[in-house]
Amino acid sequence: MEKRAAVTKKELDETLTAFGLGDTERKTYLALLPMGTTTLTPLATRAGLKPTTVQSALARLVNHGLVEIGKRKSRSSFAALDPVVMRRILERRAEETARIIPALQSLRTASPTDTKIKVYYRERATDIFHQALAARSKTVREIVAARDIQDILGEKFHFTRRRVAKGVKLRSLRVEAREIKKYSAAAHLRELREARFLPRELTFRTSMMCWDDTVAFFTTKAEGLAWTVQSATLAETMRQLFELLWSVGRRMETATEAK
């Protein structure tokens, strides 16, 4: 049986936030899941929140379709539905959104330059990684400060897993001072990655990705700015600069593959 990857608390919070749950809804929902059917006061105690706060959060969770209300004697009782309902809700949302996209597109006035340069702020920066996964060339090049990119992506995106599933290869030049883990040669092969460290004197924190005729740039999470440029000539320039830096890069397979 395939071993399921562990899910961190940060990943849970990020995913539930993306689903539309605020802080109190997340705390209430996660506290309710292991309790089965319960009433307001015990749930508030477990969640570490005021009963009135939990009551408001429960009302929103019911509206989200994640919690059902019942009766226990004269009091209201609450139970979390099977979390698989989240998948059905998202599938329904996707279907509803797909139906209205043609109508929305018909209302949109395109600018002659809006497909050339696009700016992304804060959490929208992850949209760029979705675009990279659709690379026609099936190859993405990056010059990356890994710790800063991980801060942007968060725990839930799993870019490597998605990239491998789509058969997209990665050529990666990495800032050693900003590295977050060690890799073995076998891991690079398994994850469709070629990687080298940049010369040690390069310690910058801005990252760059390039695929097809698109170049993307990322500042740090604190600055919250990323942008893409669609330009065949710029992409070719960046590919040549990448190859020049690759030629002076250093081996980075520093981990030993577990037996």
C-alpha atoms as a PDB file:
ATOM      1  CA  MET A   1       0.000   0.000   0.000  1.00  0.00           C
ATOM      2  CA  GLU A   2       1.314   3.452  -0.868  1.00  0.00           C
ATOM      3  CA  LYS A   3       2.328   5.449   2.185  1.00  0.00           C
ATOM      4  CA  ARG A   4       0.340   8.663   2.508  1.00  0.00           C
ATOM      5  CA  ALA A   5       2.419  11.808   3.015  1.00  0.00           C
ATOM      6  CA  ALA A   6       2.004  13.454   6.419  1.00  0.00           C
ATOM      7  CA  VAL A   7       0.020  16.710   6.445  1.00  0.00           C
ATOM      8  CA  THR A   8       1.373  19.493   8.614  1.00  0.00           C
ATOM      9  CA  LYS A   9      -0.721  21.863  10.722  1.00  0.00           C
ATOM     10  CA  LYS A  10       0.433  24.721   8.484  1.00  0.00           C
ATOM     11  CA  GLU A  11      -0.740  22.857   5.388  1.00  0.00           C
ATOM     12  CA  LEU A  12      -4.131  22.158   7.006  1.00  0.00           C
ATOM     13  CA  ASP A  13      -4.553  25.832   7.881  1.00  0.00           C
ATOM     14  CA  GLU A  14      -3.530  27.021   4.400  1.00  0.00           C
ATOM     15  CA  THR A  15      -5.877  24.591   2.648  1.00  0.00           C
ATOM     16  CA  LEU A  16      -8.848  25.364   4.894  1.00  0.00           C
ATOM     17  CA  THR A  17      -8.184  29.081   4.440  1.00  0.00           C
ATOM     18  CA  ALA A  18      -8.193  28.607   0.661  1.00  0.00           C
ATOM     19  CA  PHE A  19     -11.512  26.766   1.057  1.00  0.00           C
ATOM     20  CA  GLY A  20     -12.906  29.925   2.641  1.00  0.00           C
ATOM     21  CA  LEU A  21     -12.620  29.342   6.387  1.00  0.00           C
ATOM     22  CA  GLY A  22     -11.458  32.139   8.663  1.00  0.00           C
ATOM     23  CA  ASP A  23      -9.387  31.657  11.812  1.00  0.00           C
ATOM     24  CA  THR A  24     -12.281  30.962  14.181  1.00  0.00           C
ATOM     25  CA  GLU A  25     -14.018  28.656  11.674  1.00  0.00           C
ATOM     26  CA  ARG A  26     -10.796  26.636  11.261  1.00  0.00           C
ATOM     27  CA  LYS A  27     -10.301  26.297  15.026  1.00  0.00           C
ATOM     28  CA  THR A  28     -13.939  25.359  15.556  1.00  0.00           C
ATOM     29  CA  TYR A  29     -13.996  22.838  12.696  1.00  0.00           C
ATOM     30  CA  LEU A  30     -10.737  21.142  13.716  1.00  0.00           C
ATOM     31  CA  ALA A  31     -11.926  20.956  17.320  1.00  0.00           C
ATOM     32  CA  LEU A  32     -15.289  19.472  16.269  1.00  0.00           C
ATOM     33  CA  LEU A  33     -13.959  16.747  13.956  1.00  0.00           C
ATOM     34  CA  PRO A  34     -12.776  14.339  16.716  1.00  0.00           C
ATOM     35  CA  MET A  35     -15.764  15.037  19.019  1.00  0.00           C
ATOM     36  CA  GLY A  36     -18.515  13.382  17.007  1.00  0.00           C
ATOM     37  CA  THR A  37     -21.809  14.983  18.024  1.00  0.00           C
ATOM     38  CA  THR A  38     -21.505  17.583  20.753  1.00  0.00           C
ATOM     39  CA  THR A  39     -23.048  20.750  22.125  1.00  0.00           C
ATOM     40  CA  LEU A  40     -21.808  24.318  22.217  1.00  0.00           C
ATOM     41  CA  THR A  41     -20.089  24.529  25.610  1.00  0.00           C
ATOM     42  CA  PRO A  42     -17.843  21.441  25.327  1.00  0.00           C
ATOM     43  CA  LEU A  43     -16.898  22.467  21.796  1.00  0.00           C
ATOM     44  CA  ALA A  44     -16.014  26.006  22.894  1.00  0.00           C
ATOM     45  CA  THR A  45     -13.852  24.588  25.693  1.00  0.00           C
ATOM     46  CA  ARG A  46     -11.981  22.280  23.304  1.00  0.00           C
ATOM     47  CA  ALA A  47     -11.512  25.036  20.718  1.00  0.00           C
ATOM     48  CA  GLY A  48     -10.313  27.521  23.346  1.00  0.00           C
ATOM     49  CA  LEU A  49     -12.840  30.122  22.193  1.00  0.00           C
ATOM     50  CA  LYS A  50     -15.784  31.963  23.716  1.00  0.00           C
ATOM     51  CA  PRO A  51     -19.145  30.189  23.232  1.00  0.00           C
ATOM     52  CA  THR A  52     -20.565  33.189  21.371  1.00  0.00           C
ATOM     53  CA  THR A  53     -17.583  33.139  18.996  1.00  0.00           C
ATOM     54  CA  VAL A  54     -17.995  29.405  18.385  1.00  0.00           C
ATOM     55  CA  GLN A  55     -21.736  29.830  17.825  1.00  0.00           C
ATOM     56  CA  SER A  56     -21.077  32.369  15.051  1.00  0.00           C
ATOM     57  CA  ALA A  57     -18.362  30.149  13.552  1.00  0.00           C
ATOM     58  CA  LEU A  58     -20.719  27.148  13.568  1.00  0.00           C
ATOM     59  CA  ALA A  59     -23.355  29.111  11.676  1.00  0.00           C
ATOM     60  CA  ARG A  60     -20.803  29.879   8.970  1.00  0.00           C
ATOM     61  CA  LEU A  61     -19.602  26.256   8.890  1.00  0.00           C
ATOM     62  CA  VAL A  62     -23.189  25.138   8.371  1.00  0.00           C
ATOM     63  CA  ASN A  63     -23.468  27.581   5.466  1.00  0.00           C
ATOM     64  CA  HIS A  64     -20.244  26.132   4.036  1.00  0.00           C
ATOM     65  CA  GLY A  65     -21.830  22.678   4.149  1.00  0.00           C
ATOM     66  CA  LEU A  66     -19.269  21.224   6.572  1.00  0.00           C
ATOM     67  CA  VAL A  67     -21.354  20.948   9.762  1.00  0.00           C
ATOM     68  CA  GLU A  68     -24.880  19.734  10.512  1.00  0.00           C
ATOM     69  CA  ILE A  69     -27.148  20.814  13.381  1.00  0.00           C
ATOM     70  CA  GLY A  70     -29.274  18.441  15.420  1.00  0.00           C
ATOM     71  CA  LYS A  71     -31.042  18.356  18.784  1.00  0.00           C
ATOM     72  CA  ARG A  72     -29.874  16.884  22.067  1.00  0.00           C
ATOM     73  CA  LYS A  73     -32.786  17.211  24.466  1.00  0.00           C
ATOM     74  CA  SER A  74     -33.532  20.933  24.500  1.00  0.00           C
ATOM     75  CA  ARG A  75     -30.147  22.036  23.213  1.00  0.00           C
ATOM     76  CA  SER A  76     -28.701  22.251  19.722  1.00  0.00           C
ATOM     77  CA  SER A  77     -26.039  19.706  18.868  1.00  0.00           C
ATOM     78  CA  PHE A  78     -23.383  19.866  16.174  1.00  0.00           C
ATOM     79  CA  ALA A  79     -21.456  17.310  14.145  1.00  0.00           C
ATOM     80  CA  ALA A  80     -18.851  17.661  11.400  1.00  0.00           C
ATOM     81  CA  LEU A  81     -19.815  15.934   8.178  1.00  0.00           C
ATOM     82  CA  ASP A  82     -17.354  13.528   6.542  1.00  0.00           C
ATOM     83  CA  PRO A  83     -14.553  15.818   5.234  1.00  0.00           C
ATOM     84  CA  VAL A  84     -14.905  14.186   1.800  1.00  0.00           C
ATOM     85  CA  VAL A  85     -17.831  16.591   1.389  1.00  0.00           C
ATOM     86  CA  MET A  86     -15.219  19.312   0.780  1.00  0.00           C
ATOM     87  CA  ARG A  87     -14.223  17.609  -2.461  1.00  0.00           C
ATOM     88  CA  ARG A  88     -17.834  17.453  -3.642  1.00  0.00           C
ATOM     89  CA  ILE A  89     -18.338  21.125  -2.762  1.00  0.00           C
ATOM     90  CA  LEU A  90     -15.210  22.112  -4.719  1.00  0.00           C
ATOM     91  CA  GLU A  91     -16.278  19.983  -7.693  1.00  0.00           C
ATOM     92  CA  ARG A  92     -19.673  21.685  -7.679  1.00  0.00           C
ATOM     93  CA  ARG A  93     -18.014  25.106  -7.465  1.00  0.00           C
ATOM     94  CA  ALA A  94     -15.768  24.196 -10.401  1.00  0.00           C
ATOM     95  CA  GLU A  95     -18.764  23.136 -12.486  1.00  0.00           C
ATOM     96  CA  GLU A  96     -20.670  26.310 -11.639  1.00  0.00           C
ATOM     97  CA  THR A  97     -17.642  28.463 -12.424  1.00  0.00           C
ATOM     98  CA  ALA A  98     -17.044  26.706 -15.740  1.00  0.00           C
ATOM     99  CA  ARG A  99     -20.614  27.506 -16.802  1.00  0.00           C
ATOM    100  CA  ILE A 100     -20.219  31.249 -16.284  1.00  0.00           C
ATOM    101  CA  ILE A 101     -16.684  31.686 -17.697  1.00  0.00           C
ATOM    102  CA  PRO A 102     -17.881  32.176 -21.328  1.00  0.00           C
ATOM    103  CA  ALA A 103     -20.273  34.911 -20.172  1.00  0.00           C
ATOM    104  CA  LEU A 104     -17.529  36.609 -18.170  1.00  0.00           C
ATOM    105  CA  GLN A 105     -15.108  36.399 -21.097  1.00  0.00           C
ATOM    106  CA  SER A 106     -17.663  38.070 -23.331  1.00  0.00           C
ATOM    107  CA  LEU A 107     -17.724  41.044 -20.918  1.00  0.00           C
ATOM    108  CA  ARG A 108     -13.963  41.426 -20.759  1.00  0.00           C
ATOM    109  CA  THR A 109     -12.165  44.013 -22.869  1.00  0.00           C
ATOM    110  CA  ALA A 110      -8.641  42.822 -23.587  1.00  0.00           C
ATOM    111  CA  SER A 111      -5.762  45.274 -23.639  1.00  0.00           C
ATOM    112  CA  PRO A 112      -3.229  44.886 -26.455  1.00  0.00           C
ATOM    113  CA  THR A 113      -0.505  44.485 -23.826  1.00  0.00           C
ATOM    114  CA  ASP A 114      -2.238  42.517 -21.090  1.00  0.00           C
ATOM    115  CA  THR A 115      -0.809  39.190 -22.218  1.00  0.00           C
ATOM    116  CA  LYS A 116       2.759  40.558 -22.217  1.00  0.00           C
ATOM    117  CA  ILE A 117       3.405  41.709 -18.644  1.00  0.00           C
ATOM    118  CA  LYS A 118       1.375  40.599 -15.637  1.00  0.00           C
ATOM    119  CA  VAL A 119       1.970  41.529 -12.006  1.00  0.00           C
ATOM    120  CA  TYR A 120       0.942  39.275  -9.124  1.00  0.00           C
ATOM    121  CA  TYR A 121       0.649  40.298  -5.481  1.00  0.00           C
ATOM    122  CA  ARG A 122       0.952  38.182  -2.335  1.00  0.00           C
ATOM    123  CA  GLU A 123      -0.840  34.822  -2.539  1.00  0.00           C
ATOM    124  CA  ARG A 124      -1.608  35.271  -6.245  1.00  0.00           C
ATOM    125  CA  ALA A 125       2.074  34.531  -6.965  1.00  0.00           C
ATOM    126  CA  THR A 126       1.246  30.813  -6.852  1.00  0.00           C
ATOM    127  CA  ASP A 127      -0.715  31.321 -10.087  1.00  0.00           C
ATOM    128  CA  ILE A 128       2.650  31.556 -11.849  1.00  0.00           C
ATOM    129  CA  PHE A 129       3.604  28.043 -10.772  1.00  0.00           C
ATOM    130  CA  HIS A 130       0.368  26.709 -12.288  1.00  0.00           C
ATOM    131  CA  GLN A 131       1.395  28.348 -15.568  1.00  0.00           C
ATOM    132  CA  ALA A 132       4.867  26.775 -15.389  1.00  0.00           C
ATOM    133  CA  LEU A 133       3.289  23.333 -14.984  1.00  0.00           C
ATOM    134  CA  ALA A 134       1.685  23.812 -18.401  1.00  0.00           C
ATOM    135  CA  ALA A 135       5.042  24.414 -20.147  1.00  0.00           C
ATOM    136  CA  ARG A 136       4.787  23.175 -23.746  1.00  0.00           C
ATOM    137  CA  SER A 137       8.515  22.429 -23.799  1.00  0.00           C
ATOM    138  CA  LYS A 138       8.148  20.258 -20.686  1.00  0.00           C
ATOM    139  CA  THR A 139      11.210  22.026 -19.239  1.00  0.00           C
ATOM    140  CA  VAL A 140      11.400  24.814 -16.669  1.00  0.00           C
ATOM    141  CA  ARG A 141      14.629  26.628 -15.800  1.00  0.00           C
ATOM    142  CA  GLU A 142      14.994  28.439 -12.516  1.00  0.00           C
ATOM    143  CA  ILE A 143      17.543  30.538 -10.649  1.00  0.00           C
ATOM    144  CA  VAL A 144      16.196  30.257  -7.176  1.00  0.00           C
ATOM    145  CA  ALA A 145      16.581  31.252  -3.547  1.00  0.00           C
ATOM    146  CA  ALA A 146      14.774  28.134  -2.331  1.00  0.00           C
ATOM    147  CA  ARG A 147      13.875  29.267   1.195  1.00  0.00           C
ATOM    148  CA  ASP A 148      12.205  32.413  -0.114  1.00  0.00           C
ATOM    149  CA  ILE A 149      10.295  30.521  -2.815  1.00  0.00           C
ATOM    150  CA  GLN A 150       9.087  28.022  -0.210  1.00  0.00           C
ATOM    151  CA  ASP A 151       7.792  30.932   1.896  1.00  0.00           C
ATOM    152  CA  ILE A 152       5.799  32.114  -1.125  1.00  0.00           C
ATOM    153  CA  LEU A 153       4.398  28.685  -2.001  1.00  0.00           C
ATOM    154  CA  GLY A 154       3.571  27.589   1.540  1.00  0.00           C
ATOM    155  CA  GLU A 155       3.101  23.973   2.576  1.00  0.00           C
ATOM    156  CA  LYS A 156       0.121  23.002   0.462  1.00  0.00           C
ATOM    157  CA  PHE A 157       1.154  23.599  -3.141  1.00  0.00           C
ATOM    158  CA  HIS A 158       3.593  20.656  -3.641  1.00  0.00           C
ATOM    159  CA  PHE A 159       5.114  22.021  -6.847  1.00  0.00           C
ATOM    160  CA  THR A 160       7.552  19.106  -7.241  1.00  0.00           C
ATOM    161  CA  ARG A 161       4.820  16.472  -6.936  1.00  0.00           C
ATOM    162  CA  ARG A 162       2.611  18.261  -9.465  1.00  0.00           C
ATOM    163  CA  ARG A 163       5.510  18.861 -11.834  1.00  0.00           C
ATOM    164  CA  VAL A 164       6.574  15.199 -11.819  1.00  0.00           C
ATOM    165  CA  ALA A 165       2.975  14.104 -12.377  1.00  0.00           C
ATOM    166  CA  LYS A 166       2.882  16.263 -15.520  1.00  0.00           C
ATOM    167  CA  GLY A 167       6.293  15.091 -16.725  1.00  0.00           C
ATOM    168  CA  VAL A 168       7.832  18.588 -16.578  1.00  0.00           C
ATOM    169  CA  LYS A 169      11.618  18.590 -16.071  1.00  0.00           C
ATOM    170  CA  LEU A 170      13.343  21.196 -13.903  1.00  0.00           C
ATOM    171  CA  ARG A 171      16.824  22.628 -14.380  1.00  0.00           C
ATOM    172  CA  SER A 172      17.655  24.465 -11.182  1.00  0.00           C
ATOM    173  CA  LEU A 173      20.459  26.863 -10.228  1.00  0.00           C
ATOM    174  CA  ARG A 174      20.279  27.445  -6.498  1.00  0.00           C
ATOM    175  CA  VAL A 175      21.609  29.956  -3.986  1.00  0.00           C
ATOM    176  CA  GLU A 176      23.452  27.776  -1.476  1.00  0.00           C
ATOM    177  CA  ALA A 177      22.930  30.197   1.436  1.00  0.00           C
ATOM    178  CA  ARG A 178      19.146  30.018   0.880  1.00  0.00           C
ATOM    179  CA  GLU A 179      18.893  26.224   0.464  1.00  0.00           C
ATOM    180  CA  ILE A 180      16.350  24.361   2.603  1.00  0.00           C
ATOM    181  CA  LYS A 181      17.273  20.679   2.223  1.00  0.00           C
ATOM    182  CA  LYS A 182      19.836  18.228   0.921  1.00  0.00           C
ATOM    183  CA  TYR A 183      19.281  16.147  -2.199  1.00  0.00           C
ATOM    184  CA  SER A 184      20.751  12.876  -3.370  1.00  0.00           C
ATOM    185  CA  ALA A 185      21.481  12.118  -7.010  1.00  0.00           C
ATOM    186  CA  ALA A 186      18.706   9.502  -6.888  1.00  0.00           C
ATOM    187  CA  ALA A 187      16.191  12.078  -5.597  1.00  0.00           C
ATOM    188  CA  HIS A 188      17.063  14.450  -8.436  1.00  0.00           C
ATOM    189  CA  LEU A 189      16.553  11.661 -10.961  1.00  0.00           C
ATOM    190  CA  ARG A 190      13.264  10.580  -9.386  1.00  0.00           C
ATOM    191  CA  GLU A 191      11.972  14.155  -9.284  1.00  0.00           C
ATOM    192  CA  LEU A 192      12.992  15.009 -12.892  1.00  0.00           C
ATOM    193  CA  ARG A 193      15.473  17.599 -11.672  1.00  0.00           C
ATOM    194  CA  GLU A 194      18.983  18.692 -12.647  1.00  0.00           C
ATOM    195  CA  ALA A 195      20.464  21.076 -10.111  1.00  0.00           C
ATOM    196  CA  ARG A 196      23.639  22.938  -9.311  1.00  0.00           C
ATOM    197  CA  PHE A 197      24.696  25.480  -6.719  1.00  0.00           C
ATOM    198  CA  LEU A 198      25.580  28.950  -7.920  1.00  0.00           C
ATOM    199  CA  PRO A 199      28.968  30.359  -6.880  1.00  0.00           C
ATOM    200  CA  ARG A 200      28.943  30.987  -3.121  1.00  0.00           C
ATOM    201  CA  GLU A 201      29.376  34.746  -3.459  1.00  0.00           C
ATOM    202  CA  LEU A 202      25.880  34.951  -4.999  1.00  0.00           C
ATOM    203  CA  THR A 203      23.445  35.282  -2.072  1.00  0.00           C
ATOM    204  CA  PHE A 204      20.502  37.152  -3.625  1.00  0.00           C
ATOM    205  CA  ARG A 205      16.888  36.430  -2.600  1.00  0.00           C
ATOM    206  CA  THR A 206      15.002  37.265  -5.802  1.00  0.00           C
ATOM    207  CA  SER A 207      14.189  34.198  -7.935  1.00  0.00           C
ATOM    208  CA  MET A 208      13.577  33.697 -11.651  1.00  0.00           C
ATOM    209  CA  MET A 209      11.823  31.002 -13.695  1.00  0.00           C
ATOM    210  CA  CYS A 210      11.753  30.585 -17.469  1.00  0.00           C
ATOM    211  CA  TRP A 211       9.731  28.306 -19.746  1.00  0.00           C
ATOM    212  CA  ASP A 212       8.618  28.532 -23.378  1.00  0.00           C
ATOM    213  CA  ASP A 213       8.498  32.296 -24.123  1.00  0.00           C
ATOM    214  CA  THR A 214       7.698  33.327 -20.532  1.00  0.00           C
ATOM    215  CA  VAL A 215      10.032  34.656 -17.835  1.00  0.00           C
ATOM    216  CA  ALA A 216       8.846  35.029 -14.230  1.00  0.00           C
ATOM    217  CA  PHE A 217      10.439  36.968 -11.370  1.00  0.00           C
ATOM    218  CA  PHE A 218       9.719  36.683  -7.626  1.00  0.00           C
ATOM    219  CA  THR A 219      10.726  39.003  -4.794  1.00  0.00           C
ATOM    220  CA  THR A 220      10.431  37.851  -1.166  1.00  0.00           C
ATOM    221  CA  LYS A 221       7.163  37.043   0.584  1.00  0.00           C
ATOM    222  CA  ALA A 222       7.569  40.194   2.700  1.00  0.00           C
ATOM    223  CA  GLU A 223       7.666  42.346  -0.437  1.00  0.00           C
ATOM    224  CA  GLY A 224       4.891  40.259  -1.969  1.00  0.00           C
ATOM    225  CA  LEU A 225       5.623  41.001  -5.617  1.00  0.00           C
ATOM    226  CA  ALA A 226       5.985  38.724  -8.642  1.00  0.00           C
ATOM    227  CA  TRP A 227       5.557  39.276 -12.361  1.00  0.00           C
ATOM    228  CA  THR A 228       5.725  37.446 -15.676  1.00  0.00           C
ATOM    229  CA  VAL A 229       6.916  38.731 -19.035  1.00  0.00           C
ATOM    230  CA  GLN A 230       5.843  36.999 -22.233  1.00  0.00           C
ATOM    231  CA  SER A 231       8.628  37.693 -24.703  1.00  0.00           C
ATOM    232  CA  ALA A 232      10.474  35.261 -26.975  1.00  0.00           C
ATOM    233  CA  THR A 233      13.561  37.482 -27.113  1.00  0.00           C
ATOM    234  CA  LEU A 234      13.728  37.990 -23.317  1.00  0.00           C
ATOM    235  CA  ALA A 235      13.207  34.257 -22.766  1.00  0.00           C
ATOM    236  CA  GLU A 236      16.092  33.475 -25.124  1.00  0.00           C
ATOM    237  CA  THR A 237      18.318  35.982 -23.310  1.00  0.00           C
ATOM    238  CA  MET A 238      17.486  34.409 -19.941  1.00  0.00           C
ATOM    239  CA  ARG A 239      18.158  30.902 -21.293  1.00  0.00           C
ATOM    240  CA  GLN A 240      21.610  31.987 -22.466  1.00  0.00           C
ATOM    241  CA  LEU A 241      22.365  33.639 -19.116  1.00  0.00           C
ATOM    242  CA  PHE A 242      21.153  30.492 -17.386  1.00  0.00           C
ATOM    243  CA  GLU A 243      23.521  28.304 -19.435  1.00  0.00           C
ATOM    244  CA  LEU A 244      26.425  30.631 -18.669  1.00  0.00           C
ATOM    245  CA  LEU A 245      25.754  30.378 -14.926  1.00  0.00           C
ATOM    246  CA  TRP A 246      25.198  26.627 -15.258  1.00  0.00           C
ATOM    247  CA  SER A 247      28.697  26.282 -16.680  1.00  0.00           C
ATOM    248  CA  VAL A 248      30.199  27.729 -13.466  1.00  0.00           C
ATOM    249  CA  GLY A 249      27.758  26.032 -11.096  1.00  0.00           C
ATOM    250  CA  ARG A 250      28.795  23.441  -8.497  1.00  0.00           C
ATOM    251  CA  ARG A 251      27.518  19.953  -7.647  1.00  0.00           C
ATOM    252  CA  MET A 252      24.770  19.968  -4.989  1.00  0.00           C
ATOM    253  CA  GLU A 253      23.953  16.260  -4.461  1.00  0.00           C
ATOM    254  CA  THR A 254      25.083  16.291  -0.833  1.00  0.00           C
ATOM    255  CA  ALA A 255      22.637  13.799   0.697  1.00  0.00           C
ATOM    256  CA  THR A 256      23.033  10.038   0.897  1.00  0.00           C
ATOM    257  CA  GLU A 257      20.096   8.036  -0.423  1.00  0.00           C
ATOM    258  CA  ALA A 258      18.483   5.966   2.339  1.00  0.00           C
ATOM    259  CA  LYS A 259      18.942   2.225   1.949  1.00  0.00           C
END
